[in-house]
N, C-alpha and C. Protein backbone atom coordinates (compact mmCIF):
# COMPACT_ATOMS: atom_id res chain seq x y z
N MET A 1 0.81 -1.20 0.00
CA MET A 1 0.00 0.00 0.00
C MET A 1 0.86 1.26 0.00
N THR A 2 2.01 1.17 0.63
CA THR A 2 2.90 2.32 0.69
C THR A 2 3.41 2.68 -0.69
N TRP A 3 3.62 1.70 -1.54
CA TRP A 3 4.15 1.98 -2.87
C TRP A 3 3.20 2.84 -3.70
N ILE A 4 1.88 2.79 -3.39
CA ILE A 4 0.92 3.65 -4.09
C ILE A 4 1.20 5.11 -3.75
N TYR A 5 1.43 5.38 -2.46
CA TYR A 5 1.73 6.75 -2.04
C TYR A 5 3.05 7.25 -2.61
N VAL A 6 4.03 6.36 -2.64
CA VAL A 6 5.32 6.73 -3.20
C VAL A 6 5.18 7.02 -4.70
N GLY A 7 4.44 6.19 -5.40
CA GLY A 7 4.22 6.40 -6.83
C GLY A 7 3.44 7.68 -7.10
N ALA A 8 2.42 7.95 -6.29
CA ALA A 8 1.64 9.17 -6.47
C ALA A 8 2.50 10.40 -6.17
N GLY A 9 3.34 10.30 -5.16
CA GLY A 9 4.23 11.42 -4.83
C GLY A 9 5.24 11.66 -5.94
N ALA A 10 5.79 10.60 -6.50
CA ALA A 10 6.74 10.74 -7.61
C ALA A 10 6.06 11.33 -8.84
N ALA A 11 4.83 10.90 -9.11
CA ALA A 11 4.10 11.45 -10.25
C ALA A 11 3.81 12.93 -10.03
N GLY A 12 3.48 13.30 -8.82
CA GLY A 12 3.23 14.70 -8.50
C GLY A 12 4.48 15.55 -8.69
N LEU A 13 5.61 15.02 -8.25
CA LEU A 13 6.87 15.75 -8.43
C LEU A 13 7.23 15.88 -9.89
N LEU A 14 6.91 14.86 -10.67
CA LEU A 14 7.18 14.91 -12.11
C LEU A 14 6.34 16.00 -12.78
N VAL A 15 5.09 16.11 -12.38
CA VAL A 15 4.22 17.16 -12.93
C VAL A 15 4.76 18.54 -12.55
N LEU A 16 5.15 18.70 -11.29
CA LEU A 16 5.70 19.98 -10.86
C LEU A 16 6.99 20.32 -11.60
N ALA A 17 7.82 19.34 -11.86
CA ALA A 17 9.06 19.59 -12.60
C ALA A 17 8.75 20.02 -14.04
N ALA A 18 7.77 19.37 -14.66
CA ALA A 18 7.41 19.73 -16.04
C ALA A 18 6.87 21.16 -16.09
N LEU A 19 6.04 21.52 -15.12
CA LEU A 19 5.52 22.88 -15.09
C LEU A 19 6.62 23.89 -14.81
N GLY A 20 7.59 23.52 -13.98
CA GLY A 20 8.73 24.40 -13.72
C GLY A 20 9.55 24.66 -14.97
N VAL A 21 9.71 23.64 -15.79
CA VAL A 21 10.44 23.80 -17.05
C VAL A 21 9.69 24.74 -17.97
N ARG A 22 8.36 24.62 -18.01
CA ARG A 22 7.56 25.52 -18.85
C ARG A 22 7.71 26.97 -18.40
N VAL A 23 7.74 27.17 -17.08
CA VAL A 23 7.91 28.53 -16.55
C VAL A 23 9.28 29.08 -16.93
N LEU A 24 10.32 28.27 -16.83
CA LEU A 24 11.66 28.73 -17.20
C LEU A 24 11.75 29.09 -18.68
N VAL A 25 11.14 28.29 -19.54
CA VAL A 25 11.16 28.58 -20.98
C VAL A 25 10.41 29.88 -21.26
N ALA A 26 9.27 30.08 -20.60
CA ALA A 26 8.51 31.32 -20.80
C ALA A 26 9.29 32.52 -20.29
N ALA A 27 10.01 32.37 -19.17
CA ALA A 27 10.80 33.48 -18.62
C ALA A 27 11.94 33.84 -19.57
N ARG A 28 12.56 32.85 -20.18
CA ARG A 28 13.62 33.15 -21.15
C ARG A 28 13.07 33.89 -22.36
N GLY A 29 11.90 33.48 -22.83
CA GLY A 29 11.28 34.16 -23.97
C GLY A 29 10.93 35.60 -23.62
N LEU A 30 10.41 35.82 -22.41
CA LEU A 30 10.10 37.17 -21.98
C LEU A 30 11.36 38.01 -21.85
N ASN A 31 12.43 37.41 -21.37
CA ASN A 31 13.70 38.13 -21.26
C ASN A 31 14.21 38.55 -22.63
N ARG A 32 14.04 37.69 -23.63
CA ARG A 32 14.45 38.06 -25.00
C ARG A 32 13.62 39.22 -25.52
N GLN A 33 12.32 39.20 -25.26
CA GLN A 33 11.46 40.29 -25.72
C GLN A 33 11.82 41.60 -25.04
N ILE A 34 12.11 41.56 -23.76
CA ILE A 34 12.49 42.77 -23.03
C ILE A 34 13.82 43.31 -23.56
N ALA A 35 14.76 42.42 -23.83
CA ALA A 35 16.05 42.85 -24.38
C ALA A 35 15.87 43.48 -25.76
N ALA A 36 14.99 42.92 -26.56
CA ALA A 36 14.74 43.48 -27.89
C ALA A 36 14.09 44.86 -27.78
N ALA A 37 13.20 45.04 -26.82
CA ALA A 37 12.57 46.34 -26.63
C ALA A 37 13.59 47.37 -26.15
N HIS A 38 14.47 46.97 -25.24
CA HIS A 38 15.52 47.88 -24.79
C HIS A 38 16.44 48.26 -25.93
N GLU A 39 16.76 47.31 -26.78
CA GLU A 39 17.62 47.59 -27.93
C GLU A 39 16.92 48.52 -28.92
N GLN A 40 15.62 48.33 -29.09
CA GLN A 40 14.88 49.14 -30.05
C GLN A 40 14.72 50.57 -29.57
N PHE A 41 14.44 50.76 -28.28
CA PHE A 41 14.15 52.09 -27.78
C PHE A 41 15.36 52.79 -27.17
N GLY A 42 16.36 52.06 -26.76
CA GLY A 42 17.57 52.68 -26.23
C GLY A 42 17.35 53.33 -24.88
N GLN A 43 18.24 54.23 -24.51
CA GLN A 43 18.20 54.85 -23.19
C GLN A 43 17.20 55.98 -23.09
N ASN A 44 16.93 56.69 -24.19
CA ASN A 44 16.11 57.89 -24.11
C ASN A 44 14.61 57.62 -24.25
N GLY A 45 14.20 56.38 -24.44
CA GLY A 45 12.78 56.06 -24.52
C GLY A 45 12.17 56.23 -25.90
N ARG A 46 12.96 56.69 -26.87
CA ARG A 46 12.46 56.83 -28.24
C ARG A 46 13.04 55.71 -29.09
N ARG A 47 12.32 55.42 -30.14
CA ARG A 47 12.86 54.43 -31.08
C ARG A 47 14.13 54.98 -31.69
N ARG A 48 15.08 54.11 -31.98
CA ARG A 48 16.36 54.56 -32.51
C ARG A 48 16.23 55.13 -33.92
N ASP A 49 15.25 54.65 -34.69
CA ASP A 49 15.10 55.15 -36.07
C ASP A 49 14.13 56.34 -36.13
N GLU A 50 13.63 56.76 -35.00
CA GLU A 50 12.68 57.87 -34.96
C GLU A 50 13.43 59.19 -34.79
N THR A 51 13.13 60.13 -35.64
CA THR A 51 13.75 61.45 -35.50
C THR A 51 12.83 62.35 -34.71
N VAL A 52 13.39 63.28 -34.01
CA VAL A 52 12.60 64.21 -33.21
C VAL A 52 12.17 65.34 -34.11
N PRO A 53 10.85 65.55 -34.24
CA PRO A 53 10.40 66.63 -35.12
C PRO A 53 10.75 68.00 -34.50
N ARG A 54 10.97 68.95 -35.36
CA ARG A 54 11.29 70.30 -34.89
C ARG A 54 10.01 70.94 -34.36
N ALA A 55 10.16 71.77 -33.37
CA ALA A 55 9.01 72.47 -32.80
C ALA A 55 8.50 73.50 -33.79
N ALA A 56 7.24 73.90 -33.62
CA ALA A 56 6.62 74.85 -34.55
C ALA A 56 7.35 76.18 -34.57
N TYR A 57 7.85 76.61 -33.43
CA TYR A 57 8.54 77.89 -33.39
C TYR A 57 9.94 77.83 -33.98
N ASP A 58 10.49 76.61 -34.20
CA ASP A 58 11.81 76.46 -34.81
C ASP A 58 11.74 76.43 -36.33
N ARG A 59 10.56 76.24 -36.86
CA ARG A 59 10.44 76.14 -38.32
C ARG A 59 10.54 77.51 -38.94
N GLY A 60 11.23 77.59 -40.03
CA GLY A 60 11.51 78.87 -40.64
C GLY A 60 10.64 79.31 -41.70
């Protein structure tokens, strides 16, 4: 009878391990997306390919 509990406990641990692996894979994917956003926007919060338009009073 004890082997049933041991087997159920091992199966439960296996499920938890599989879910933990899924969480780690999702965290790595999120880290890649965050890194890509940081690379795209840089330090100043604007896109790197975006130019700052001149103000209306600066136009000649």
